[in-house]
């Protein structure tokens, strides 16, 4: 469980990338899909920074 929480930011970044890649290949680009992908990428980056900072403080 600790490993999952430790890598949660990376998992969210991958989900954000998939949210951008899959609609692009299917030809379905809209502002909604781009916004969701961008928000997931940003949230994953922030989560990764926070989790890394917490793990180095221990």
C-alpha atoms as a PDB file:
ATOM      1  CA  UNK A   1       0.000   0.000   0.000  1.00  0.00           C
ATOM      2  CA  UNK A   2       2.875   2.348   0.770  1.00  0.00           C
ATOM      3  CA  UNK A   3       4.279   1.759  -2.712  1.00  0.00           C
ATOM      4  CA  UNK A   4       0.952   2.677  -4.305  1.00  0.00           C
ATOM      5  CA  UNK A   5       0.732   5.931  -2.364  1.00  0.00           C
ATOM      6  CA  UNK A   6       4.392   6.655  -3.121  1.00  0.00           C
ATOM      7  CA  UNK A   7       3.781   6.314  -6.873  1.00  0.00           C
ATOM      8  CA  UNK A   8       0.337   7.921  -6.964  1.00  0.00           C
ATOM      9  CA  UNK A   9       1.615  11.069  -8.687  1.00  0.00           C
ATOM     10  CA  UNK A  10       3.210   9.082 -11.484  1.00  0.00           C
ATOM     11  CA  UNK A  11       0.029   7.053 -11.957  1.00  0.00           C
ATOM     12  CA  UNK A  12      -2.051  10.232 -12.260  1.00  0.00           C
ATOM     13  CA  UNK A  13       0.449  11.670 -14.773  1.00  0.00           C
ATOM     14  CA  UNK A  14       0.139   8.510 -16.884  1.00  0.00           C
ATOM     15  CA  UNK A  15      -3.664   8.742 -16.734  1.00  0.00           C
ATOM     16  CA  UNK A  16      -3.455  12.362 -17.869  1.00  0.00           C
ATOM     17  CA  UNK A  17      -1.201  11.416 -20.754  1.00  0.00           C
ATOM     18  CA  UNK A  18      -3.600   8.666 -21.792  1.00  0.00           C
ATOM     19  CA  UNK A  19      -6.479  11.151 -21.571  1.00  0.00           C
ATOM     20  CA  UNK A  20      -4.632  13.235 -24.155  1.00  0.00           C
ATOM     21  CA  UNK A  21      -3.268  10.451 -26.377  1.00  0.00           C
ATOM     22  CA  UNK A  22      -6.336   8.228 -26.834  1.00  0.00           C
ATOM     23  CA  UNK A  23      -8.748  10.946 -28.058  1.00  0.00           C
ATOM     24  CA  UNK A  24      -6.027  12.247 -30.353  1.00  0.00           C
ATOM     25  CA  UNK A  25      -5.721   8.898 -32.130  1.00  0.00           C
ATOM     26  CA  UNK A  26      -9.492   8.555 -32.323  1.00  0.00           C
ATOM     27  CA  UNK A  27      -9.831  12.013 -33.853  1.00  0.00           C
ATOM     28  CA  UNK A  28     -11.942  13.307 -30.987  1.00  0.00           C
ATOM     29  CA  UNK A  29     -10.291  16.501 -29.805  1.00  0.00           C
ATOM     30  CA  UNK A  30     -12.416  18.874 -27.805  1.00  0.00           C
ATOM     31  CA  UNK A  31     -11.706  21.433 -25.139  1.00  0.00           C
ATOM     32  CA  UNK A  32     -13.185  19.137 -22.509  1.00  0.00           C
ATOM     33  CA  UNK A  33     -10.816  16.245 -23.199  1.00  0.00           C
ATOM     34  CA  UNK A  34      -7.842  18.596 -23.395  1.00  0.00           C
ATOM     35  CA  UNK A  35      -8.840  20.234 -20.109  1.00  0.00           C
ATOM     36  CA  UNK A  36      -9.246  16.895 -18.331  1.00  0.00           C
ATOM     37  CA  UNK A  37      -5.870  15.705 -19.598  1.00  0.00           C
ATOM     38  CA  UNK A  38      -4.160  18.939 -18.599  1.00  0.00           C
ATOM     39  CA  UNK A  39      -5.714  18.953 -15.142  1.00  0.00           C
ATOM     40  CA  UNK A  40      -4.674  15.331 -14.568  1.00  0.00           C
ATOM     41  CA  UNK A  41      -1.109  16.067 -15.694  1.00  0.00           C
ATOM     42  CA  UNK A  42      -0.845  19.091 -13.410  1.00  0.00           C
ATOM     43  CA  UNK A  43      -2.427  17.298 -10.439  1.00  0.00           C
ATOM     44  CA  UNK A  44      -0.118  14.321 -10.933  1.00  0.00           C
ATOM     45  CA  UNK A  45       2.922  16.577 -11.003  1.00  0.00           C
ATOM     46  CA  UNK A  46       1.861  18.313  -7.790  1.00  0.00           C
ATOM     47  CA  UNK A  47       1.080  14.971  -6.103  1.00  0.00           C
ATOM     48  CA  UNK A  48       4.452  13.575  -7.151  1.00  0.00           C
ATOM     49  CA  UNK A  49       6.276  16.585  -5.700  1.00  0.00           C
ATOM     50  CA  UNK A  50       4.333  16.404  -2.425  1.00  0.00           C
ATOM     51  CA  UNK A  51       4.787  12.643  -2.004  1.00  0.00           C
ATOM     52  CA  UNK A  52       8.494  12.831  -2.818  1.00  0.00           C
ATOM     53  CA  UNK A  53       8.945  15.635  -0.326  1.00  0.00           C
ATOM     54  CA  UNK A  54       7.136  13.661   2.403  1.00  0.00           C
ATOM     55  CA  UNK A  55       9.225  10.547   1.728  1.00  0.00           C
ATOM     56  CA  UNK A  56      12.532  12.431   1.914  1.00  0.00           C
ATOM     57  CA  UNK A  57      11.558  14.064   5.227  1.00  0.00           C
ATOM     58  CA  UNK A  58      11.134  10.697   6.976  1.00  0.00           C
END
